[in-house]
Amino acid sequence: MATHTVRTVTSTRYEWIVPAAEPWGAAGAEVAKAWTAADMAYRERHGLAGDQPLADDALRFKVTDAEIVISFTVETGAKP
C-alpha cells in the first residue's frame, strides 16, 4: 500500500522588463512605471486593496547587464 501522495503545482511568473543597457542604464521614471504596473497587477491577482501594504517579498527585482526585471510568482492548482 502506498504511503505517499503526488500533486502537481503550476507556477506562473509575471514580469515587467525595463531596458537598462549600458552606459546609461534605466530612467527612474521607466522603473517607476513598471513598478507601479507590477504592484497593481499583484494587488489585482491577490485581491488586495490599494491601501493595504504588500509583503516585503511580494515583488522581486533582478538587475542584469541590459535590463531590470520586476516580477512576482503565483502558484495554482495543487492537484492530486
PDB file of N, CA and C in Angstrom:
ATOM      1  N   MET A   1       0.835  -1.174   0.000  1.00  0.00           N
ATOM      2  CA  MET A   1       0.000   0.000   0.000  1.00  0.00           C
ATOM      3  C   MET A   1       0.890   1.250   0.000  1.00  0.00           C
ATOM      4  N   ALA A   2       0.559   2.230  -0.836  1.00  0.00           N
ATOM      5  CA  ALA A   2       1.366   3.441  -0.955  1.00  0.00           C
ATOM      6  C   ALA A   2       1.240   4.308   0.294  1.00  0.00           C
ATOM      7  N   THR A   3       2.363   4.897   0.691  1.00  0.00           N
ATOM      8  CA  THR A   3       2.366   5.784   1.857  1.00  0.00           C
ATOM      9  C   THR A   3       2.744   7.207   1.446  1.00  0.00           C
ATOM     10  N   HIS A   4       2.533   7.531   0.189  1.00  0.00           N
ATOM     11  CA  HIS A   4       2.860   8.878  -0.281  1.00  0.00           C
ATOM     12  C   HIS A   4       1.741   9.379  -1.198  1.00  0.00           C
ATOM     13  N   THR A   5       1.760  10.663  -1.453  1.00  0.00           N
ATOM     14  CA  THR A   5       0.817  11.255  -2.401  1.00  0.00           C
ATOM     15  C   THR A   5       1.603  12.056  -3.430  1.00  0.00           C
ATOM     16  N   VAL A   6       0.939  12.378  -4.501  1.00  0.00           N
ATOM     17  CA  VAL A   6       1.552  13.152  -5.577  1.00  0.00           C
ATOM     18  C   VAL A   6       0.626  14.316  -5.901  1.00  0.00           C
ATOM     19  N   ARG A   7       1.197  15.473  -6.188  1.00  0.00           N
ATOM     20  CA  ARG A   7       0.391  16.598  -6.635  1.00  0.00           C
ATOM     21  C   ARG A   7       1.165  17.395  -7.668  1.00  0.00           C
ATOM     22  N   THR A   8       0.435  18.117  -8.481  1.00  0.00           N
ATOM     23  CA  THR A   8       1.027  18.976  -9.498  1.00  0.00           C
ATOM     24  C   THR A   8       0.702  20.418  -9.140  1.00  0.00           C
ATOM     25  N   VAL A   9       1.733  21.255  -9.093  1.00  0.00           N
ATOM     26  CA  VAL A   9       1.566  22.674  -8.809  1.00  0.00           C
ATOM     27  C   VAL A   9       2.111  23.450 -10.002  1.00  0.00           C
ATOM     28  N   THR A  10       1.312  24.364 -10.517  1.00  0.00           N
ATOM     29  CA  THR A  10       1.724  25.174 -11.648  1.00  0.00           C
ATOM     30  C   THR A  10       2.140  26.550 -11.155  1.00  0.00           C
ATOM     31  N   SER A  11       3.332  26.983 -11.544  1.00  0.00           N
ATOM     32  CA  SER A  11       3.824  28.315 -11.186  1.00  0.00           C
ATOM     33  C   SER A  11       3.793  29.207 -12.414  1.00  0.00           C
ATOM     34  N   THR A  12       3.297  30.414 -12.223  1.00  0.00           N
ATOM     35  CA  THR A  12       3.292  31.415 -13.285  1.00  0.00           C
ATOM     36  C   THR A  12       4.030  32.638 -12.773  1.00  0.00           C
ATOM     37  N   ARG A  13       5.036  33.068 -13.522  1.00  0.00           N
ATOM     38  CA  ARG A  13       5.774  34.273 -13.153  1.00  0.00           C
ATOM     39  C   ARG A  13       5.374  35.397 -14.092  1.00  0.00           C
ATOM     40  N   TYR A  14       4.969  36.507 -13.513  1.00  0.00           N
ATOM     41  CA  TYR A  14       4.624  37.714 -14.252  1.00  0.00           C
ATOM     42  C   TYR A  14       5.829  38.640 -14.199  1.00  0.00           C
ATOM     43  N   GLU A  15       6.234  39.180 -15.349  1.00  0.00           N
ATOM     44  CA  GLU A  15       7.437  40.011 -15.412  1.00  0.00           C
ATOM     45  C   GLU A  15       7.178  41.336 -16.124  1.00  0.00           C
ATOM     46  N   TRP A  16       7.798  42.388 -15.612  1.00  0.00           N
ATOM     47  CA  TRP A  16       7.834  43.708 -16.240  1.00  0.00           C
ATOM     48  C   TRP A  16       9.308  43.999 -16.480  1.00  0.00           C
ATOM     49  N   ILE A  17       9.669  44.241 -17.728  1.00  0.00           N
ATOM     50  CA  ILE A  17      11.078  44.361 -18.108  1.00  0.00           C
ATOM     51  C   ILE A  17      11.355  45.795 -18.556  1.00  0.00           C
ATOM     52  N   VAL A  18      12.341  46.402 -17.905  1.00  0.00           N
ATOM     53  CA  VAL A  18      12.744  47.767 -18.231  1.00  0.00           C
ATOM     54  C   VAL A  18      14.130  47.702 -18.851  1.00  0.00           C
ATOM     55  N   PRO A  19      14.295  48.161 -20.090  1.00  0.00           N
ATOM     56  CA  PRO A  19      15.624  48.180 -20.700  1.00  0.00           C
ATOM     57  C   PRO A  19      16.575  49.046 -19.861  1.00  0.00           C
ATOM     58  N   ALA A  20      17.799  48.548 -19.683  1.00  0.00           N
ATOM     59  CA  ALA A  20      18.783  49.271 -18.859  1.00  0.00           C
ATOM     60  C   ALA A  20      20.184  49.057 -19.414  1.00  0.00           C
ATOM     61  N   ALA A  21      20.315  49.184 -20.710  1.00  0.00           N
ATOM     62  CA  ALA A  21      21.602  48.919 -21.352  1.00  0.00           C
ATOM     63  C   ALA A  21      22.642  49.963 -20.959  1.00  0.00           C
ATOM     64  N   GLU A  22      23.875  49.519 -20.892  1.00  0.00           N
ATOM     65  CA  GLU A  22      24.992  50.420 -20.631  1.00  0.00           C
ATOM     66  C   GLU A  22      25.178  51.337 -21.827  1.00  0.00           C
ATOM     67  N   PRO A  23      25.668  52.496 -21.700  1.00  0.00           N
ATOM     68  CA  PRO A  23      26.253  53.068 -20.492  1.00  0.00           C
ATOM     69  C   PRO A  23      25.264  53.861 -19.653  1.00  0.00           C
ATOM     70  N   TRP A  24      24.005  53.999 -20.123  1.00  0.00           N
ATOM     71  CA  TRP A  24      23.086  54.907 -19.443  1.00  0.00           C
ATOM     72  C   TRP A  24      22.203  54.239 -18.410  1.00  0.00           C
ATOM     73  N   GLY A  25      21.964  52.966 -18.511  1.00  0.00           N
ATOM     74  CA  GLY A  25      21.066  52.302 -17.568  1.00  0.00           C
ATOM     75  C   GLY A  25      19.614  52.660 -17.848  1.00  0.00           C
ATOM     76  N   ALA A  26      18.768  52.503 -16.844  1.00  0.00           N
ATOM     77  CA  ALA A  26      17.333  52.763 -16.992  1.00  0.00           C
ATOM     78  C   ALA A  26      16.970  54.105 -16.374  1.00  0.00           C
ATOM     79  N   ALA A  27      16.011  54.778 -16.982  1.00  0.00           N
ATOM     80  CA  ALA A  27      15.499  56.023 -16.409  1.00  0.00           C
ATOM     81  C   ALA A  27      14.616  55.692 -15.211  1.00  0.00           C
ATOM     82  N   GLY A  28      14.742  56.490 -14.168  1.00  0.00           N
ATOM     83  CA  GLY A  28      13.953  56.271 -12.957  1.00  0.00           C
ATOM     84  C   GLY A  28      12.461  56.261 -13.220  1.00  0.00           C
ATOM     85  N   ALA A  29      12.004  57.125 -14.116  1.00  0.00           N
ATOM     86  CA  ALA A  29      10.578  57.179 -14.433  1.00  0.00           C
ATOM     87  C   ALA A  29      10.098  55.873 -15.054  1.00  0.00           C
ATOM     88  N   GLU A  30      10.924  55.243 -15.884  1.00  0.00           N
ATOM     89  CA  GLU A  30      10.545  53.976 -16.510  1.00  0.00           C
ATOM     90  C   GLU A  30      10.487  52.845 -15.483  1.00  0.00           C
ATOM     91  N   VAL A  31      11.426  52.848 -14.540  1.00  0.00           N
ATOM     92  CA  VAL A  31      11.396  51.849 -13.462  1.00  0.00           C
ATOM     93  C   VAL A  31      10.147  52.064 -12.610  1.00  0.00           C
ATOM     94  N   ALA A  32       9.821  53.323 -12.307  1.00  0.00           N
ATOM     95  CA  ALA A  32       8.642  53.634 -11.501  1.00  0.00           C
ATOM     96  C   ALA A  32       7.360  53.174 -12.186  1.00  0.00           C
ATOM     97  N   LYS A  33       7.259  53.372 -13.508  1.00  0.00           N
ATOM     98  CA  LYS A  33       6.073  52.927 -14.255  1.00  0.00           C
ATOM     99  C   LYS A  33       5.917  51.410 -14.180  1.00  0.00           C
ATOM    100  N   ALA A  34       7.018  50.686 -14.389  1.00  0.00           N
ATOM    101  CA  ALA A  34       6.967  49.221 -14.342  1.00  0.00           C
ATOM    102  C   ALA A  34       6.639  48.748 -12.927  1.00  0.00           C
ATOM    103  N   TRP A  35       7.221  49.381 -11.925  1.00  0.00           N
ATOM    104  CA  TRP A  35       6.970  49.027 -10.524  1.00  0.00           C
ATOM    105  C   TRP A  35       5.491  49.232 -10.199  1.00  0.00           C
ATOM    106  N   THR A  36       4.932  50.347 -10.626  1.00  0.00           N
ATOM    107  CA  THR A  36       3.516  50.629 -10.382  1.00  0.00           C
ATOM    108  C   THR A  36       2.631  49.601 -11.077  1.00  0.00           C
ATOM    109  N   ALA A  37       2.949  49.268 -12.314  1.00  0.00           N
ATOM    110  CA  ALA A  37       2.161  48.271 -13.049  1.00  0.00           C
ATOM    111  C   ALA A  37       2.231  46.908 -12.366  1.00  0.00           C
ATOM    112  N   ALA A  38       3.419  46.511 -11.919  1.00  0.00           N
ATOM    113  CA  ALA A  38       3.581  45.225 -11.223  1.00  0.00           C
ATOM    114  C   ALA A  38       2.819  45.232  -9.903  1.00  0.00           C
ATOM    115  N   ASP A  39       2.903  46.328  -9.164  1.00  0.00           N
ATOM    116  CA  ASP A  39       2.196  46.468  -7.892  1.00  0.00           C
ATOM    117  C   ASP A  39       0.692  46.320  -8.110  1.00  0.00           C
ATOM    118  N   MET A  40       0.159  47.006  -9.109  1.00  0.00           N
ATOM    119  CA  MET A  40      -1.273  46.942  -9.392  1.00  0.00           C
ATOM    120  C   MET A  40      -1.703  45.534  -9.810  1.00  0.00           C
ATOM    121  N   ALA A  41      -0.894  44.885 -10.632  1.00  0.00           N
ATOM    122  CA  ALA A  41      -1.219  43.523 -11.070  1.00  0.00           C
ATOM    123  C   ALA A  41      -1.196  42.549  -9.896  1.00  0.00           C
ATOM    124  N   TYR A  42      -0.205  42.709  -9.011  1.00  0.00           N
ATOM    125  CA  TYR A  42      -0.123  41.844  -7.830  1.00  0.00           C
ATOM    126  C   TYR A  42      -1.372  42.016  -6.966  1.00  0.00           C
ATOM    127  N   ARG A  43      -1.743  43.262  -6.736  1.00  0.00           N
ATOM    128  CA  ARG A  43      -2.930  43.546  -5.916  1.00  0.00           C
ATOM    129  C   ARG A  43      -4.186  42.941  -6.545  1.00  0.00           C
ATOM    130  N   GLU A  44      -4.331  43.103  -7.861  1.00  0.00           N
ATOM    131  CA  GLU A  44      -5.495  42.555  -8.542  1.00  0.00           C
ATOM    132  C   GLU A  44      -5.513  41.031  -8.440  1.00  0.00           C
ATOM    133  N   ARG A  45      -4.375  40.416  -8.681  1.00  0.00           N
ATOM    134  CA  ARG A  45      -4.274  38.947  -8.655  1.00  0.00           C
ATOM    135  C   ARG A  45      -4.590  38.375  -7.281  1.00  0.00           C
ATOM    136  N   HIS A  46      -4.231  39.133  -6.214  1.00  0.00           N
ATOM    137  CA  HIS A  46      -4.408  38.642  -4.842  1.00  0.00           C
ATOM    138  C   HIS A  46      -5.572  39.296  -4.108  1.00  0.00           C
ATOM    139  N   GLY A  47      -6.326  40.144  -4.804  1.00  0.00           N
ATOM    140  CA  GLY A  47      -7.498  40.762  -4.197  1.00  0.00           C
ATOM    141  C   GLY A  47      -7.168  41.735  -3.077  1.00  0.00           C
ATOM    142  N   LEU A  48      -6.072  42.477  -3.212  1.00  0.00           N
ATOM    143  CA  LEU A  48      -5.664  43.437  -2.184  1.00  0.00           C
ATOM    144  C   LEU A  48      -6.109  44.847  -2.563  1.00  0.00           C
ATOM    145  N   ALA A  49      -6.567  45.592  -1.592  1.00  0.00           N
ATOM    146  CA  ALA A  49      -6.935  46.989  -1.810  1.00  0.00           C
ATOM    147  C   ALA A  49      -5.678  47.837  -1.967  1.00  0.00           C
ATOM    148  N   GLY A  50      -5.838  49.001  -2.583  1.00  0.00           N
ATOM    149  CA  GLY A  50      -4.707  49.888  -2.828  1.00  0.00           C
ATOM    150  C   GLY A  50      -4.044  50.409  -1.577  1.00  0.00           C
ATOM    151  N   ASP A  51      -4.770  50.435  -0.451  1.00  0.00           N
ATOM    152  CA  ASP A  51      -4.181  50.959   0.783  1.00  0.00           C
ATOM    153  C   ASP A  51      -3.571  49.862   1.667  1.00  0.00           C
ATOM    154  N   GLN A  52      -3.698  48.613   1.267  1.00  0.00           N
ATOM    155  CA  GLN A  52      -3.088  47.520   2.026  1.00  0.00           C
ATOM    156  C   GLN A  52      -1.621  47.392   1.640  1.00  0.00           C
ATOM    157  N   PRO A  53      -0.743  47.242   2.630  1.00  0.00           N
ATOM    158  CA  PRO A  53       0.677  47.083   2.294  1.00  0.00           C
ATOM    159  C   PRO A  53       0.951  45.711   1.675  1.00  0.00           C
ATOM    160  N   LEU A  54       1.918  45.675   0.766  1.00  0.00           N
ATOM    161  CA  LEU A  54       2.360  44.396   0.205  1.00  0.00           C
ATOM    162  C   LEU A  54       3.388  43.780   1.150  1.00  0.00           C
ATOM    163  N   ALA A  55       3.469  42.475   1.120  1.00  0.00           N
ATOM    164  CA  ALA A  55       4.531  41.790   1.866  1.00  0.00           C
ATOM    165  C   ALA A  55       5.880  42.233   1.311  1.00  0.00           C
ATOM    166  N   ASP A  56       6.898  42.248   2.155  1.00  0.00           N
ATOM    167  CA  ASP A  56       8.223  42.708   1.733  1.00  0.00           C
ATOM    168  C   ASP A  56       8.759  41.949   0.521  1.00  0.00           C
ATOM    169  N   ASP A  57       8.383  40.686   0.392  1.00  0.00           N
ATOM    170  CA  ASP A  57       8.911  39.881  -0.716  1.00  0.00           C
ATOM    171  C   ASP A  57       7.884  39.651  -1.826  1.00  0.00           C
ATOM    172  N   ALA A  58       6.859  40.504  -1.906  1.00  0.00           N
ATOM    173  CA  ALA A  58       5.820  40.327  -2.924  1.00  0.00           C
ATOM    174  C   ALA A  58       6.378  40.499  -4.334  1.00  0.00           C
ATOM    175  N   LEU A  59       7.178  41.529  -4.532  1.00  0.00           N
ATOM    176  CA  LEU A  59       7.769  41.791  -5.842  1.00  0.00           C
ATOM    177  C   LEU A  59       9.269  41.548  -5.774  1.00  0.00           C
ATOM    178  N   ARG A  60       9.803  40.995  -6.828  1.00  0.00           N
ATOM    179  CA  ARG A  60      11.248  40.744  -6.928  1.00  0.00           C
ATOM    180  C   ARG A  60      11.846  41.621  -8.015  1.00  0.00           C
ATOM    181  N   PHE A  61      13.051  42.121  -7.776  1.00  0.00           N
ATOM    182  CA  PHE A  61      13.776  42.949  -8.736  1.00  0.00           C
ATOM    183  C   PHE A  61      15.073  42.243  -9.086  1.00  0.00           C
ATOM    184  N   LYS A  62      15.288  42.008 -10.368  1.00  0.00           N
ATOM    185  CA  LYS A  62      16.525  41.375 -10.828  1.00  0.00           C
ATOM    186  C   LYS A  62      17.183  42.320 -11.829  1.00  0.00           C
ATOM    187  N   VAL A  63      18.432  42.636 -11.583  1.00  0.00           N
ATOM    188  CA  VAL A  63      19.184  43.533 -12.455  1.00  0.00           C
ATOM    189  C   VAL A  63      20.181  42.715 -13.250  1.00  0.00           C
ATOM    190  N   THR A  64      20.150  42.881 -14.563  1.00  0.00           N
ATOM    191  CA  THR A  64      21.108  42.210 -15.429  1.00  0.00           C
ATOM    192  C   THR A  64      21.913  43.280 -16.165  1.00  0.00           C
ATOM    193  N   ASP A  65      22.761  42.867 -17.079  1.00  0.00           N
ATOM    194  CA  ASP A  65      23.565  43.824 -17.845  1.00  0.00           C
ATOM    195  C   ASP A  65      22.721  44.733 -18.727  1.00  0.00           C
ATOM    196  N   ALA A  66      21.554  44.248 -19.154  1.00  0.00           N
ATOM    197  CA  ALA A  66      20.788  45.007 -20.143  1.00  0.00           C
ATOM    198  C   ALA A  66      19.362  45.348 -19.726  1.00  0.00           C
ATOM    199  N   GLU A  67      18.918  44.892 -18.550  1.00  0.00           N
ATOM    200  CA  GLU A  67      17.536  45.152 -18.166  1.00  0.00           C
ATOM    201  C   GLU A  67      17.332  44.995 -16.666  1.00  0.00           C
ATOM    202  N   ILE A  68      16.232  45.559 -16.205  1.00  0.00           N
ATOM    203  CA  ILE A  68      15.758  45.353 -14.838  1.00  0.00           C
ATOM    204  C   ILE A  68      14.437  44.616 -14.965  1.00  0.00           C
ATOM    205  N   VAL A  69      14.311  43.505 -14.264  1.00  0.00           N
ATOM    206  CA  VAL A  69      13.101  42.692 -14.337  1.00  0.00           C
ATOM    207  C   VAL A  69      12.406  42.740 -12.983  1.00  0.00           C
ATOM    208  N   ILE A  70      11.159  43.181 -12.985  1.00  0.00           N
ATOM    209  CA  ILE A  70      10.329  43.198 -11.783  1.00  0.00           C
ATOM    210  C   ILE A  70       9.331  42.060 -11.959  1.00  0.00           C
ATOM    211  N   SER A  71       9.189  41.212 -10.940  1.00  0.00           N
ATOM    212  CA  SER A  71       8.339  40.038 -11.128  1.00  0.00           C
ATOM    213  C   SER A  71       7.664  39.602  -9.838  1.00  0.00           C
ATOM    214  N   PHE A  72       6.642  38.770 -10.014  1.00  0.00           N
ATOM    215  CA  PHE A  72       6.069  38.006  -8.906  1.00  0.00           C
ATOM    216  C   PHE A  72       5.586  36.670  -9.464  1.00  0.00           C
ATOM    217  N   THR A  73       5.500  35.686  -8.597  1.00  0.00           N
ATOM    218  CA  THR A  73       5.130  34.325  -8.997  1.00  0.00           C
ATOM    219  C   THR A  73       3.879  33.904  -8.245  1.00  0.00           C
ATOM    220  N   VAL A  74       2.986  33.229  -8.953  1.00  0.00           N
ATOM    221  CA  VAL A  74       1.766  32.708  -8.383  1.00  0.00           C
ATOM    222  C   VAL A  74       1.738  31.203  -8.614  1.00  0.00           C
ATOM    223  N   GLU A  75       1.462  30.459  -7.556  1.00  0.00           N
ATOM    224  CA  GLU A  75       1.323  29.004  -7.688  1.00  0.00           C
ATOM    225  C   GLU A  75      -0.157  28.675  -7.620  1.00  0.00           C
ATOM    226  N   THR A  76      -0.586  27.811  -8.543  1.00  0.00           N
ATOM    227  CA  THR A  76      -2.005  27.412  -8.586  1.00  0.00           C
ATOM    228  C   THR A  76      -2.135  25.923  -8.807  1.00  0.00           C
ATOM    229  N   GLY A  77      -3.308  25.437  -8.472  1.00  0.00           N
ATOM    230  CA  GLY A  77      -3.706  24.101  -8.857  1.00  0.00           C
ATOM    231  C   GLY A  77      -2.996  22.952  -8.186  1.00  0.00           C
ATOM    232  N   ALA A  78      -2.892  22.971  -6.865  1.00  0.00           N
ATOM    233  CA  ALA A  78      -2.324  21.818  -6.175  1.00  0.00           C
ATOM    234  C   ALA A  78      -3.295  20.670  -6.356  1.00  0.00           C
ATOM    235  N   LYS A  79      -3.062  19.885  -7.408  1.00  0.00           N
ATOM    236  CA  LYS A  79      -3.983  18.803  -7.757  1.00  0.00           C
ATOM    237  C   LYS A  79      -3.354  17.445  -7.453  1.00  0.00           C
ATOM    238  N   PRO A  80      -4.106  16.596  -6.815  1.00  0.00           N
ATOM    239  CA  PRO A  80      -3.568  15.245  -6.541  1.00  0.00           C
ATOM    240  C   PRO A  80      -3.446  14.421  -7.797  1.00  0.00           C
TER     241      PRO A  80
END
